[in-house]
Amino acid sequence: MISRRLLRIKALMGFYAFNCREDNDLPRAESELMFSIDKTYDLYHLLLLLIIELADIANDKIDRALHKKIPTHEDLNPKRKFVDNLVVEQLRNTLSSNNYMYSKKLSWVNNSHIPRLLYGKMLEWEVYSRYINSEVSDYQEDKKFIIKLVTKFFAFSEDLNLNLEEQSIYWNDDMEYIIAMAEKTLKKFSETPKSDNKLMPLFKNDDDAQFVKTLFTKAILGSEKSSELIDCNTTNWELERIALMDILVMKLAITEIIEFPEIPVKVTLNEYIEIAKYYCTSKSSTFVNGILDKIVKEMRDKELFKKYGRGLIGEEYSE
């Protein structure tokens, strides 16, 4: 499932796009937000499918070598460890029965050069060499390699990352989170015959789906009030002089504090300060942190929000 951190980032990107528009079409903006989240789920499936693509290329290479007119000793005695990888076979069965992938027509057909390019580089990868030449051959060994393939090879492949950026502008910020999502998926795979090796759902639960919709919509509808809070707590700054992304990050944080009483204030602040480090200027996280601290104090004094349950963590009136 897509993490709350990435959902916050998606809301931020959608909020930025809305502020750059002239039509103020909120329903359209909401639709585009959900489309961007769906595209992230597409990437999750494509990344897992890429594992199968590499195994298929390896199998095709072996078949071609066996049918040479004069095959070599290596051709006649291929190393099939990757092709016969037990986790690859499980993943193949899982993906083959996945309605989402087929309904979206997800494949590498139009970008088939990327799996071939990656396969060639994988053959030179030290981790692959150790795996394919190891005398150990069991489920755990297979699983460890596939996880490393995703987290160490795919994650750091410039060729793959550049291609994904070309395929969709929605994937520019997703790779790190989808790598983690794929890793969690593979770690849950089990060799037991009755194991149900499922893919993760788009959202962890209905609460997460509602979270991103509410955060985005309420941030837009409450933008004017959030601006007033920011303006009152930036006495040495004119609002027009503050970077737009800094303002949007703070508005989302304010919205989350007000609209989600079950989320502790500290959690919200930490999340948006971390987001500011990557999506704002180099000094923004310190600036945003200082201003949000002042805003939260004012909001507490004016009782503009109330927390309950887990949201009480860190509040003065918590017990």
C-alpha atoms as a PDB file:
ATOM      1  CA  MET A   1       0.000   0.000   0.000  1.00  0.00           C
ATOM      2  CA  ILE A   2       1.088   3.567  -0.627  1.00  0.00           C
ATOM      3  CA  SER A   3       2.575   5.150   2.499  1.00  0.00           C
ATOM      4  CA  ARG A   4       1.103   8.176   4.226  1.00  0.00           C
ATOM      5  CA  ARG A   5       4.322  10.074   3.452  1.00  0.00           C
ATOM      6  CA  LEU A   6       3.823   9.583  -0.271  1.00  0.00           C
ATOM      7  CA  LEU A   7       0.134  10.471   0.018  1.00  0.00           C
ATOM      8  CA  ARG A   8       1.155  13.759   1.652  1.00  0.00           C
ATOM      9  CA  ILE A   9       3.618  14.395  -1.179  1.00  0.00           C
ATOM     10  CA  LYS A  10       0.929  13.647  -3.763  1.00  0.00           C
ATOM     11  CA  ALA A  11      -1.381  16.101  -2.004  1.00  0.00           C
ATOM     12  CA  LEU A  12       1.398  18.712  -2.029  1.00  0.00           C
ATOM     13  CA  MET A  13       2.048  18.258  -5.752  1.00  0.00           C
ATOM     14  CA  GLY A  14      -1.670  18.463  -6.469  1.00  0.00           C
ATOM     15  CA  PHE A  15      -1.978  21.558  -4.270  1.00  0.00           C
ATOM     16  CA  TYR A  16       0.884  23.196  -6.160  1.00  0.00           C
ATOM     17  CA  ALA A  17      -0.705  22.375  -9.514  1.00  0.00           C
ATOM     18  CA  PHE A  18      -4.040  23.792  -8.322  1.00  0.00           C
ATOM     19  CA  ASN A  19      -2.361  27.056  -7.301  1.00  0.00           C
ATOM     20  CA  CYS A  20      -0.839  27.347 -10.771  1.00  0.00           C
ATOM     21  CA  ARG A  21      -4.212  26.940 -12.454  1.00  0.00           C
ATOM     22  CA  GLU A  22      -6.590  29.743 -13.352  1.00  0.00           C
ATOM     23  CA  ASP A  23      -9.890  27.882 -13.442  1.00  0.00           C
ATOM     24  CA  ASN A  24     -10.120  26.912  -9.710  1.00  0.00           C
ATOM     25  CA  ASP A  25     -11.793  23.681 -10.804  1.00  0.00           C
ATOM     26  CA  LEU A  26     -11.702  21.678  -7.563  1.00  0.00           C
ATOM     27  CA  PRO A  27     -13.445  18.517  -8.861  1.00  0.00           C
ATOM     28  CA  ARG A  28     -10.958  18.339 -11.727  1.00  0.00           C
ATOM     29  CA  ALA A  29      -8.060  18.857  -9.334  1.00  0.00           C
ATOM     30  CA  GLU A  30      -9.361  16.063  -7.088  1.00  0.00           C
ATOM     31  CA  SER A  31      -9.668  13.777 -10.095  1.00  0.00           C
ATOM     32  CA  GLU A  32      -6.084  14.541 -11.148  1.00  0.00           C
ATOM     33  CA  LEU A  33      -4.840  13.824  -7.614  1.00  0.00           C
ATOM     34  CA  MET A  34      -6.431  10.377  -7.611  1.00  0.00           C
ATOM     35  CA  PHE A  35      -5.112   9.742 -11.112  1.00  0.00           C
ATOM     36  CA  SER A  36      -1.565  10.477  -9.923  1.00  0.00           C
ATOM     37  CA  ILE A  37      -2.031   8.002  -7.058  1.00  0.00           C
ATOM     38  CA  ASP A  38      -3.339   5.356  -9.458  1.00  0.00           C
ATOM     39  CA  LYS A  39      -0.243   5.906 -11.606  1.00  0.00           C
ATOM     40  CA  THR A  40       1.912   5.159  -8.568  1.00  0.00           C
ATOM     41  CA  TYR A  41       0.140   1.833  -8.222  1.00  0.00           C
ATOM     42  CA  ASP A  42       0.836   1.194 -11.916  1.00  0.00           C
ATOM     43  CA  LEU A  43       4.546   1.667 -11.217  1.00  0.00           C
ATOM     44  CA  TYR A  44       4.387  -0.867  -8.384  1.00  0.00           C
ATOM     45  CA  HIS A  45       3.062  -3.503 -10.781  1.00  0.00           C
ATOM     46  CA  LEU A  46       5.508  -2.578 -13.546  1.00  0.00           C
ATOM     47  CA  LEU A  47       8.474  -2.878 -11.202  1.00  0.00           C
ATOM     48  CA  LEU A  48       7.439  -6.378 -10.140  1.00  0.00           C
ATOM     49  CA  LEU A  49       6.728  -7.286 -13.754  1.00  0.00           C
ATOM     50  CA  LEU A  50      10.273  -6.199 -14.625  1.00  0.00           C
ATOM     51  CA  ILE A  51      11.613  -9.099 -12.542  1.00  0.00           C
ATOM     52  CA  ILE A  52       9.642 -11.508 -14.728  1.00  0.00           C
ATOM     53  CA  GLU A  53      10.871  -9.759 -17.875  1.00  0.00           C
ATOM     54  CA  LEU A  54      14.504 -10.297 -16.872  1.00  0.00           C
ATOM     55  CA  ALA A  55      13.860 -13.982 -16.131  1.00  0.00           C
ATOM     56  CA  ASP A  56      12.147 -14.391 -19.516  1.00  0.00           C
ATOM     57  CA  ILE A  57      15.102 -12.804 -21.288  1.00  0.00           C
ATOM     58  CA  ALA A  58      17.457 -15.151 -19.435  1.00  0.00           C
ATOM     59  CA  ASN A  59      15.342 -18.141 -20.443  1.00  0.00           C
ATOM     60  CA  ASP A  60      15.248 -17.003 -24.074  1.00  0.00           C
ATOM     61  CA  LYS A  61      19.041 -16.646 -24.105  1.00  0.00           C
ATOM     62  CA  ILE A  62      19.410 -20.216 -22.811  1.00  0.00           C
ATOM     63  CA  ASP A  63      16.988 -21.586 -25.428  1.00  0.00           C
ATOM     64  CA  ARG A  64      18.780 -19.786 -28.257  1.00  0.00           C
ATOM     65  CA  ALA A  65      22.152 -21.097 -27.086  1.00  0.00           C
ATOM     66  CA  LEU A  66      20.859 -24.672 -26.943  1.00  0.00           C
ATOM     67  CA  HIS A  67      19.704 -24.434 -30.562  1.00  0.00           C
ATOM     68  CA  LYS A  68      23.003 -23.269 -31.967  1.00  0.00           C
ATOM     69  CA  LYS A  69      24.406 -25.438 -34.762  1.00  0.00           C
ATOM     70  CA  ILE A  70      27.574 -25.951 -32.739  1.00  0.00           C
ATOM     71  CA  PRO A  71      26.739 -25.240 -29.072  1.00  0.00           C
ATOM     72  CA  THR A  72      29.559 -24.874 -26.577  1.00  0.00           C
ATOM     73  CA  HIS A  73      29.873 -26.771 -23.321  1.00  0.00           C
ATOM     74  CA  GLU A  74      28.455 -23.721 -21.524  1.00  0.00           C
ATOM     75  CA  ASP A  75      25.549 -23.601 -23.981  1.00  0.00           C
ATOM     76  CA  LEU A  76      24.689 -27.224 -23.278  1.00  0.00           C
ATOM     77  CA  ASN A  77      25.077 -26.809 -19.520  1.00  0.00           C
ATOM     78  CA  PRO A  78      23.454 -23.438 -18.754  1.00  0.00           C
ATOM     79  CA  LYS A  79      23.133 -21.987 -15.293  1.00  0.00           C
ATOM     80  CA  ARG A  80      19.370 -21.891 -14.803  1.00  0.00           C
ATOM     81  CA  LYS A  81      19.318 -20.705 -11.215  1.00  0.00           C
ATOM     82  CA  PHE A  82      17.801 -17.315 -12.021  1.00  0.00           C
ATOM     83  CA  VAL A  83      15.393 -18.701 -14.622  1.00  0.00           C
ATOM     84  CA  ASP A  84      14.192 -21.353 -12.159  1.00  0.00           C
ATOM     85  CA  ASN A  85      14.132 -18.990  -9.188  1.00  0.00           C
ATOM     86  CA  LEU A  86      11.246 -20.104  -6.947  1.00  0.00           C
ATOM     87  CA  VAL A  87      10.194 -16.570  -6.013  1.00  0.00           C
ATOM     88  CA  VAL A  88      10.161 -15.550  -9.678  1.00  0.00           C
ATOM     89  CA  GLU A  89       7.771 -18.430 -10.351  1.00  0.00           C
ATOM     90  CA  GLN A  90       5.533 -17.405  -7.439  1.00  0.00           C
ATOM     91  CA  LEU A  91       5.548 -13.805  -8.635  1.00  0.00           C
ATOM     92  CA  ARG A  92       4.726 -14.944 -12.170  1.00  0.00           C
ATOM     93  CA  ASN A  93       1.682 -16.841 -10.894  1.00  0.00           C
ATOM     94  CA  THR A  94       0.580 -13.898  -8.756  1.00  0.00           C
ATOM     95  CA  LEU A  95       0.890 -11.369 -11.579  1.00  0.00           C
ATOM     96  CA  SER A  96      -0.757 -13.657 -14.125  1.00  0.00           C
ATOM     97  CA  SER A  97      -3.942 -13.674 -12.054  1.00  0.00           C
ATOM     98  CA  ASN A  98      -3.839  -9.947 -11.303  1.00  0.00           C
ATOM     99  CA  ASN A  99      -6.873  -8.201 -12.772  1.00  0.00           C
ATOM    100  CA  TYR A 100      -5.508  -4.721 -12.125  1.00  0.00           C
ATOM    101  CA  MET A 101      -2.460  -5.255 -14.299  1.00  0.00           C
ATOM    102  CA  TYR A 102      -4.496  -6.602 -17.205  1.00  0.00           C
ATOM    103  CA  SER A 103      -7.225  -3.995 -16.925  1.00  0.00           C
ATOM    104  CA  LYS A 104      -4.580  -1.265 -17.156  1.00  0.00           C
ATOM    105  CA  LYS A 105      -2.712  -3.127 -19.922  1.00  0.00           C
ATOM    106  CA  LEU A 106       0.566  -2.745 -18.049  1.00  0.00           C
ATOM    107  CA  SER A 107       3.613  -4.184 -19.784  1.00  0.00           C
ATOM    108  CA  TRP A 108       7.148  -3.444 -20.955  1.00  0.00           C
ATOM    109  CA  VAL A 109       6.268  -4.048 -24.625  1.00  0.00           C
ATOM    110  CA  ASN A 110       6.727  -0.421 -25.667  1.00  0.00           C
ATOM    111  CA  ASN A 111       9.918  -0.114 -23.640  1.00  0.00           C
ATOM    112  CA  SER A 112      11.386  -3.563 -24.238  1.00  0.00           C
ATOM    113  CA  HIS A 113      14.890  -2.135 -24.645  1.00  0.00           C
ATOM    114  CA  ILE A 114      15.009  -1.398 -20.913  1.00  0.00           C
ATOM    115  CA  PRO A 115      14.657  -5.018 -19.679  1.00  0.00           C
ATOM    116  CA  ARG A 116      17.252  -6.074 -22.273  1.00  0.00           C
ATOM    117  CA  LEU A 117      19.611  -3.298 -21.205  1.00  0.00           C
ATOM    118  CA  LEU A 118      19.167  -4.156 -17.542  1.00  0.00           C
ATOM    119  CA  TYR A 119      19.694  -7.849 -18.228  1.00  0.00           C
ATOM    120  CA  GLY A 120      23.066  -7.133 -19.822  1.00  0.00           C
ATOM    121  CA  LYS A 121      24.126  -5.030 -16.868  1.00  0.00           C
ATOM    122  CA  MET A 122      22.804  -7.603 -14.405  1.00  0.00           C
ATOM    123  CA  LEU A 123      25.177 -10.188 -15.887  1.00  0.00           C
ATOM    124  CA  GLU A 124      28.062  -7.905 -14.870  1.00  0.00           C
ATOM    125  CA  TRP A 125      26.632  -7.286 -11.392  1.00  0.00           C
ATOM    126  CA  GLU A 126      28.736  -8.843  -8.657  1.00  0.00           C
ATOM    127  CA  VAL A 127      25.686  -9.819  -6.593  1.00  0.00           C
ATOM    128  CA  TYR A 128      24.244 -11.725  -9.562  1.00  0.00           C
ATOM    129  CA  SER A 129      27.567 -13.461 -10.189  1.00  0.00           C
ATOM    130  CA  ARG A 130      27.759 -14.652  -6.585  1.00  0.00           C
ATOM    131  CA  TYR A 131      24.159 -15.834  -6.680  1.00  0.00           C
ATOM    132  CA  ILE A 132      24.322 -17.686  -9.990  1.00  0.00           C
ATOM    133  CA  ASN A 133      27.604 -19.412  -9.065  1.00  0.00           C
ATOM    134  CA  SER A 134      26.675 -20.272  -5.479  1.00  0.00           C
ATOM    135  CA  GLU A 135      26.226 -23.940  -4.653  1.00  0.00           C
ATOM    136  CA  VAL A 136      23.434 -23.022  -2.246  1.00  0.00           C
ATOM    137  CA  SER A 137      20.100 -23.446  -3.964  1.00  0.00           C
ATOM    138  CA  ASP A 138      16.980 -23.046  -1.870  1.00  0.00           C
ATOM    139  CA  TYR A 139      13.965 -20.801  -1.431  1.00  0.00           C
ATOM    140  CA  GLN A 140      15.628 -18.372   0.990  1.00  0.00           C
ATOM    141  CA  GLU A 141      18.615 -17.935  -1.322  1.00  0.00           C
ATOM    142  CA  ASP A 142      16.253 -17.211  -4.223  1.00  0.00           C
ATOM    143  CA  LYS A 143      14.244 -14.773  -2.161  1.00  0.00           C
ATOM    144  CA  LYS A 144      17.299 -12.855  -0.929  1.00  0.00           C
ATOM    145  CA  PHE A 145      18.527 -12.385  -4.478  1.00  0.00           C
ATOM    146  CA  ILE A 146      15.201 -11.108  -5.836  1.00  0.00           C
ATOM    147  CA  ILE A 147      14.932  -8.619  -2.977  1.00  0.00           C
ATOM    148  CA  LYS A 148      18.474  -7.394  -3.703  1.00  0.00           C
ATOM    149  CA  LEU A 149      17.612  -7.172  -7.390  1.00  0.00           C
ATOM    150  CA  VAL A 150      14.841  -4.711  -6.530  1.00  0.00           C
ATOM    151  CA  THR A 151      16.492  -2.760  -3.699  1.00  0.00           C
ATOM    152  CA  LYS A 152      20.085  -2.675  -4.913  1.00  0.00           C
ATOM    153  CA  PHE A 153      19.905  -3.051  -8.705  1.00  0.00           C
ATOM    154  CA  PHE A 154      16.616  -1.477  -9.820  1.00  0.00           C
ATOM    155  CA  ALA A 155      16.800   1.273  -7.218  1.00  0.00           C
ATOM    156  CA  PHE A 156      20.191   2.519  -8.413  1.00  0.00           C
ATOM    157  CA  SER A 157      19.770   1.962 -12.144  1.00  0.00           C
ATOM    158  CA  GLU A 158      20.058   5.320 -13.883  1.00  0.00           C
ATOM    159  CA  ASP A 159      18.787   3.766 -17.112  1.00  0.00           C
ATOM    160  CA  LEU A 160      15.631   2.542 -15.410  1.00  0.00           C
ATOM    161  CA  ASN A 161      15.000   5.764 -13.533  1.00  0.00           C
ATOM    162  CA  LEU A 162      15.432   7.920 -16.651  1.00  0.00           C
ATOM    163  CA  ASN A 163      13.093   5.676 -18.615  1.00  0.00           C
ATOM    164  CA  LEU A 164      10.416   5.812 -15.928  1.00  0.00           C
ATOM    165  CA  GLU A 165      10.637   9.606 -15.872  1.00  0.00           C
ATOM    166  CA  GLU A 166      10.100   9.595 -19.628  1.00  0.00           C
ATOM    167  CA  GLN A 167       7.149   7.211 -19.357  1.00  0.00           C
ATOM    168  CA  SER A 168       5.248   9.326 -16.840  1.00  0.00           C
ATOM    169  CA  ILE A 169       5.734  12.663 -15.108  1.00  0.00           C
ATOM    170  CA  TYR A 170       3.801  11.206 -12.173  1.00  0.00           C
ATOM    171  CA  TRP A 171       6.660   8.839 -11.348  1.00  0.00           C
ATOM    172  CA  ASN A 172       9.352  11.446 -10.725  1.00  0.00           C
ATOM    173  CA  ASP A 173       8.948  11.258  -6.945  1.00  0.00           C
ATOM    174  CA  ASP A 174       7.727   7.686  -6.584  1.00  0.00           C
ATOM    175  CA  MET A 175      10.646   5.318  -7.080  1.00  0.00           C
ATOM    176  CA  GLU A 176      11.997   5.325  -3.514  1.00  0.00           C
ATOM    177  CA  TYR A 177       8.575   4.576  -2.073  1.00  0.00           C
ATOM    178  CA  ILE A 178       7.666   1.940  -4.655  1.00  0.00           C
ATOM    179  CA  ILE A 179      10.987   0.165  -4.114  1.00  0.00           C
ATOM    180  CA  ALA A 180      10.124  -0.045  -0.402  1.00  0.00           C
ATOM    181  CA  MET A 181       6.606  -1.250  -1.255  1.00  0.00           C
ATOM    182  CA  ALA A 182       7.960  -3.966  -3.563  1.00  0.00           C
ATOM    183  CA  GLU A 183      10.475  -5.032  -0.923  1.00  0.00           C
ATOM    184  CA  LYS A 184       7.733  -5.434   1.690  1.00  0.00           C
ATOM    185  CA  THR A 185       5.705  -7.466  -0.786  1.00  0.00           C
ATOM    186  CA  LEU A 186       8.560  -9.865  -1.548  1.00  0.00           C
ATOM    187  CA  LYS A 187       9.524 -10.256   2.107  1.00  0.00           C
ATOM    188  CA  LYS A 188       6.020 -11.550   2.832  1.00  0.00           C
ATOM    189  CA  PHE A 189       6.286 -14.268   0.192  1.00  0.00           C
ATOM    190  CA  SER A 190       6.479 -17.749   1.687  1.00  0.00           C
ATOM    191  CA  GLU A 191       7.434 -21.156   0.297  1.00  0.00           C
ATOM    192  CA  THR A 192       4.672 -23.017   2.136  1.00  0.00           C
ATOM    193  CA  PRO A 193       2.263 -24.670  -0.337  1.00  0.00           C
ATOM    194  CA  LYS A 194      -0.807 -22.996   1.137  1.00  0.00           C
ATOM    195  CA  SER A 195       0.732 -19.519   1.357  1.00  0.00           C
ATOM    196  CA  ASP A 196      -1.210 -16.741  -0.336  1.00  0.00           C
ATOM    197  CA  ASN A 197       1.435 -14.521  -1.914  1.00  0.00           C
ATOM    198  CA  LYS A 198      -0.650 -11.445  -2.602  1.00  0.00           C
ATOM    199  CA  LEU A 199       0.324  -8.042  -3.882  1.00  0.00           C
ATOM    200  CA  MET A 200      -0.326  -5.040  -1.666  1.00  0.00           C
ATOM    201  CA  PRO A 201      -3.541  -3.057  -2.129  1.00  0.00           C
ATOM    202  CA  LEU A 202      -3.434   0.557  -3.306  1.00  0.00           C
ATOM    203  CA  PHE A 203      -4.405   1.835   0.144  1.00  0.00           C
ATOM    204  CA  LYS A 204      -3.785   0.235   3.513  1.00  0.00           C
ATOM    205  CA  ASN A 205      -7.440   0.804   4.383  1.00  0.00           C
ATOM    206  CA  ASP A 206     -10.368   3.119   3.683  1.00  0.00           C
ATOM    207  CA  ASP A 207      -8.948   5.614   6.190  1.00  0.00           C
ATOM    208  CA  ASP A 208      -5.878   6.200   4.022  1.00  0.00           C
ATOM    209  CA  ALA A 209      -7.999   6.761   0.923  1.00  0.00           C
ATOM    210  CA  GLN A 210     -10.149   9.258   2.798  1.00  0.00           C
ATOM    211  CA  PHE A 211      -7.080  10.855   4.389  1.00  0.00           C
ATOM    212  CA  VAL A 212      -5.536  12.070   1.145  1.00  0.00           C
ATOM    213  CA  LYS A 213      -8.870  13.234  -0.305  1.00  0.00           C
ATOM    214  CA  THR A 214      -9.790  15.184   2.825  1.00  0.00           C
ATOM    215  CA  LEU A 215      -6.305  16.645   3.281  1.00  0.00           C
ATOM    216  CA  PHE A 216      -6.207  17.916  -0.292  1.00  0.00           C
ATOM    217  CA  THR A 217      -9.752  19.273  -0.451  1.00  0.00           C
ATOM    218  CA  LYS A 218      -9.741  20.902   2.996  1.00  0.00           C
ATOM    219  CA  ALA A 219      -6.334  22.502   2.320  1.00  0.00           C
ATOM    220  CA  ILE A 220      -7.768  24.205  -0.753  1.00  0.00           C
ATOM    221  CA  LEU A 221     -11.050  25.225   0.890  1.00  0.00           C
ATOM    222  CA  GLY A 222      -9.277  26.480   4.020  1.00  0.00           C
ATOM    223  CA  SER A 223      -6.451  28.180   2.148  1.00  0.00           C
ATOM    224  CA  GLU A 224      -7.500  31.711   3.094  1.00  0.00           C
ATOM    225  CA  LYS A 225      -7.658  30.966   6.834  1.00  0.00           C
ATOM    226  CA  SER A 226      -4.313  29.173   6.671  1.00  0.00           C
ATOM    227  CA  SER A 227      -2.833  32.225   4.931  1.00  0.00           C
ATOM    228  CA  GLU A 228      -4.013  34.415   7.811  1.00  0.00           C
ATOM    229  CA  LEU A 229      -2.311  32.154  10.363  1.00  0.00           C
ATOM    230  CA  ILE A 230       0.920  32.158   8.367  1.00  0.00           C
ATOM    231  CA  ASP A 231       0.780  35.917   7.827  1.00  0.00           C
ATOM    232  CA  CYS A 232       0.269  36.597  11.550  1.00  0.00           C
ATOM    233  CA  ASN A 233       3.289  34.484  12.464  1.00  0.00           C
ATOM    234  CA  THR A 234       5.720  35.827   9.869  1.00  0.00           C
ATOM    235  CA  THR A 235       5.948  39.387  11.157  1.00  0.00           C
ATOM    236  CA  ASN A 236       9.286  40.047   9.458  1.00  0.00           C
ATOM    237  CA  TRP A 237       8.097  38.639   6.147  1.00  0.00           C
ATOM    238  CA  GLU A 238       5.485  39.646   3.628  1.00  0.00           C
ATOM    239  CA  LEU A 239       3.517  36.603   2.527  1.00  0.00           C
ATOM    240  CA  GLU A 240       4.319  37.365  -1.117  1.00  0.00           C
ATOM    241  CA  ARG A 241       8.059  37.057  -0.372  1.00  0.00           C
ATOM    242  CA  ILE A 242       7.789  33.518   1.018  1.00  0.00           C
ATOM    243  CA  ALA A 243       8.365  30.738  -1.512  1.00  0.00           C
ATOM    244  CA  LEU A 244       5.088  29.234  -2.729  1.00  0.00           C
ATOM    245  CA  MET A 245       6.142  25.675  -1.861  1.00  0.00           C
ATOM    246  CA  ASP A 246       6.983  26.750   1.719  1.00  0.00           C
ATOM    247  CA  ILE A 247       3.509  28.240   2.054  1.00  0.00           C
ATOM    248  CA  LEU A 248       1.803  25.155   0.628  1.00  0.00           C
ATOM    249  CA  VAL A 249       3.716  22.828   2.954  1.00  0.00           C
ATOM    250  CA  MET A 250       2.634  24.917   5.945  1.00  0.00           C
ATOM    251  CA  LYS A 251      -0.976  25.049   4.734  1.00  0.00           C
ATOM    252  CA  LEU A 252      -1.108  21.285   4.438  1.00  0.00           C
ATOM    253  CA  ALA A 253       0.379  20.915   7.922  1.00  0.00           C
ATOM    254  CA  ILE A 254      -2.194  23.340   9.355  1.00  0.00           C
ATOM    255  CA  THR A 255      -4.998  21.481   7.584  1.00  0.00           C
ATOM    256  CA  GLU A 256      -3.825  18.114   8.868  1.00  0.00           C
ATOM    257  CA  ILE A 257      -3.594  19.366  12.460  1.00  0.00           C
ATOM    258  CA  ILE A 258      -7.134  20.733  12.323  1.00  0.00           C
ATOM    259  CA  GLU A 259      -8.881  18.057  10.266  1.00  0.00           C
ATOM    260  CA  PHE A 260      -7.317  14.886  11.700  1.00  0.00           C
ATOM    261  CA  PRO A 261      -7.745  14.818  15.495  1.00  0.00           C
ATOM    262  CA  GLU A 262      -6.362  11.274  15.702  1.00  0.00           C
ATOM    263  CA  ILE A 263      -2.931  12.280  14.310  1.00  0.00           C
ATOM    264  CA  PRO A 264      -0.523  13.724  16.916  1.00  0.00           C
ATOM    265  CA  VAL A 265       0.709  17.240  16.196  1.00  0.00           C
ATOM    266  CA  LYS A 266       4.315  16.091  16.489  1.00  0.00           C
ATOM    267  CA  VAL A 267       3.796  13.466  13.791  1.00  0.00           C
ATOM    268  CA  THR A 268       2.316  16.042  11.419  1.00  0.00           C
ATOM    269  CA  LEU A 269       5.099  18.556  12.039  1.00  0.00           C
ATOM    270  CA  ASN A 270       7.844  15.962  11.567  1.00  0.00           C
ATOM    271  CA  GLU A 271       6.282  14.769   8.323  1.00  0.00           C
ATOM    272  CA  TYR A 272       6.057  18.200   6.715  1.00  0.00           C
ATOM    273  CA  ILE A 273       9.473  19.323   7.936  1.00  0.00           C
ATOM    274  CA  GLU A 274      10.942  16.232   6.242  1.00  0.00           C
ATOM    275  CA  ILE A 275       8.955  16.931   3.081  1.00  0.00           C
ATOM    276  CA  ALA A 276      10.213  20.544   3.102  1.00  0.00           C
ATOM    277  CA  LYS A 277      13.805  19.253   3.026  1.00  0.00           C
ATOM    278  CA  TYR A 278      13.199  17.687  -0.387  1.00  0.00           C
ATOM    279  CA  TYR A 279      10.629  19.923  -2.039  1.00  0.00           C
ATOM    280  CA  CYS A 280      11.551  23.396  -0.830  1.00  0.00           C
ATOM    281  CA  THR A 281      14.769  25.433  -0.624  1.00  0.00           C
ATOM    282  CA  SER A 282      17.825  24.324   1.351  1.00  0.00           C
ATOM    283  CA  LYS A 283      16.856  26.464   4.345  1.00  0.00           C
ATOM    284  CA  SER A 284      13.124  25.875   4.147  1.00  0.00           C
ATOM    285  CA  SER A 285      12.870  23.058   6.685  1.00  0.00           C
ATOM    286  CA  THR A 286      14.302  25.297   9.437  1.00  0.00           C
ATOM    287  CA  PHE A 287      12.077  28.192   8.376  1.00  0.00           C
ATOM    288  CA  VAL A 288       8.949  26.042   8.101  1.00  0.00           C
ATOM    289  CA  ASN A 289       9.708  24.408  11.460  1.00  0.00           C
ATOM    290  CA  GLY A 290      10.003  27.763  13.229  1.00  0.00           C
ATOM    291  CA  ILE A 291       6.837  29.236  11.711  1.00  0.00           C
ATOM    292  CA  LEU A 292       4.769  26.106  12.314  1.00  0.00           C
ATOM    293  CA  ASP A 293       5.824  26.047  15.962  1.00  0.00           C
ATOM    294  CA  LYS A 294       4.448  29.584  16.362  1.00  0.00           C
ATOM    295  CA  ILE A 295       1.279  28.727  14.457  1.00  0.00           C
ATOM    296  CA  VAL A 296       0.621  25.610  16.548  1.00  0.00           C
ATOM    297  CA  LYS A 297       1.028  27.650  19.751  1.00  0.00           C
ATOM    298  CA  GLU A 298      -1.499  30.208  18.487  1.00  0.00           C
ATOM    299  CA  MET A 299      -3.892  27.462  17.403  1.00  0.00           C
ATOM    300  CA  ARG A 300      -3.667  25.822  20.826  1.00  0.00           C
ATOM    301  CA  ASP A 301      -4.266  29.129  22.605  1.00  0.00           C
ATOM    302  CA  LYS A 302      -7.312  29.799  20.439  1.00  0.00           C
ATOM    303  CA  GLU A 303      -8.465  26.159  20.658  1.00  0.00           C
ATOM    304  CA  LEU A 304      -8.589  25.869  16.888  1.00  0.00           C
ATOM    305  CA  PHE A 305      -8.041  22.121  17.062  1.00  0.00           C
ATOM    306  CA  LYS A 306      -8.742  19.295  19.432  1.00  0.00           C
ATOM    307  CA  LYS A 307      -7.050  15.902  19.534  1.00  0.00           C
ATOM    308  CA  TYR A 308      -8.345  12.602  20.806  1.00  0.00           C
ATOM    309  CA  GLY A 309      -7.156   8.986  21.038  1.00  0.00           C
ATOM    310  CA  ARG A 310      -3.658   8.553  19.653  1.00  0.00           C
ATOM    311  CA  GLY A 311      -3.746  12.194  18.622  1.00  0.00           C
ATOM    312  CA  LEU A 312      -3.393  13.194  22.290  1.00  0.00           C
ATOM    313  CA  ILE A 313       0.237  12.024  22.317  1.00  0.00           C
ATOM    314  CA  GLY A 314       2.391  15.042  23.139  1.00  0.00           C
ATOM    315  CA  GLU A 315      -0.541  17.271  24.115  1.00  0.00           C
ATOM    316  CA  GLU A 316      -0.422  18.985  27.499  1.00  0.00           C
ATOM    317  CA  TYR A 317      -3.847  17.640  28.449  1.00  0.00           C
ATOM    318  CA  SER A 318      -3.001  14.048  27.520  1.00  0.00           C
ATOM    319  CA  GLU A 319      -2.829  11.488  30.322  1.00  0.00           C
END
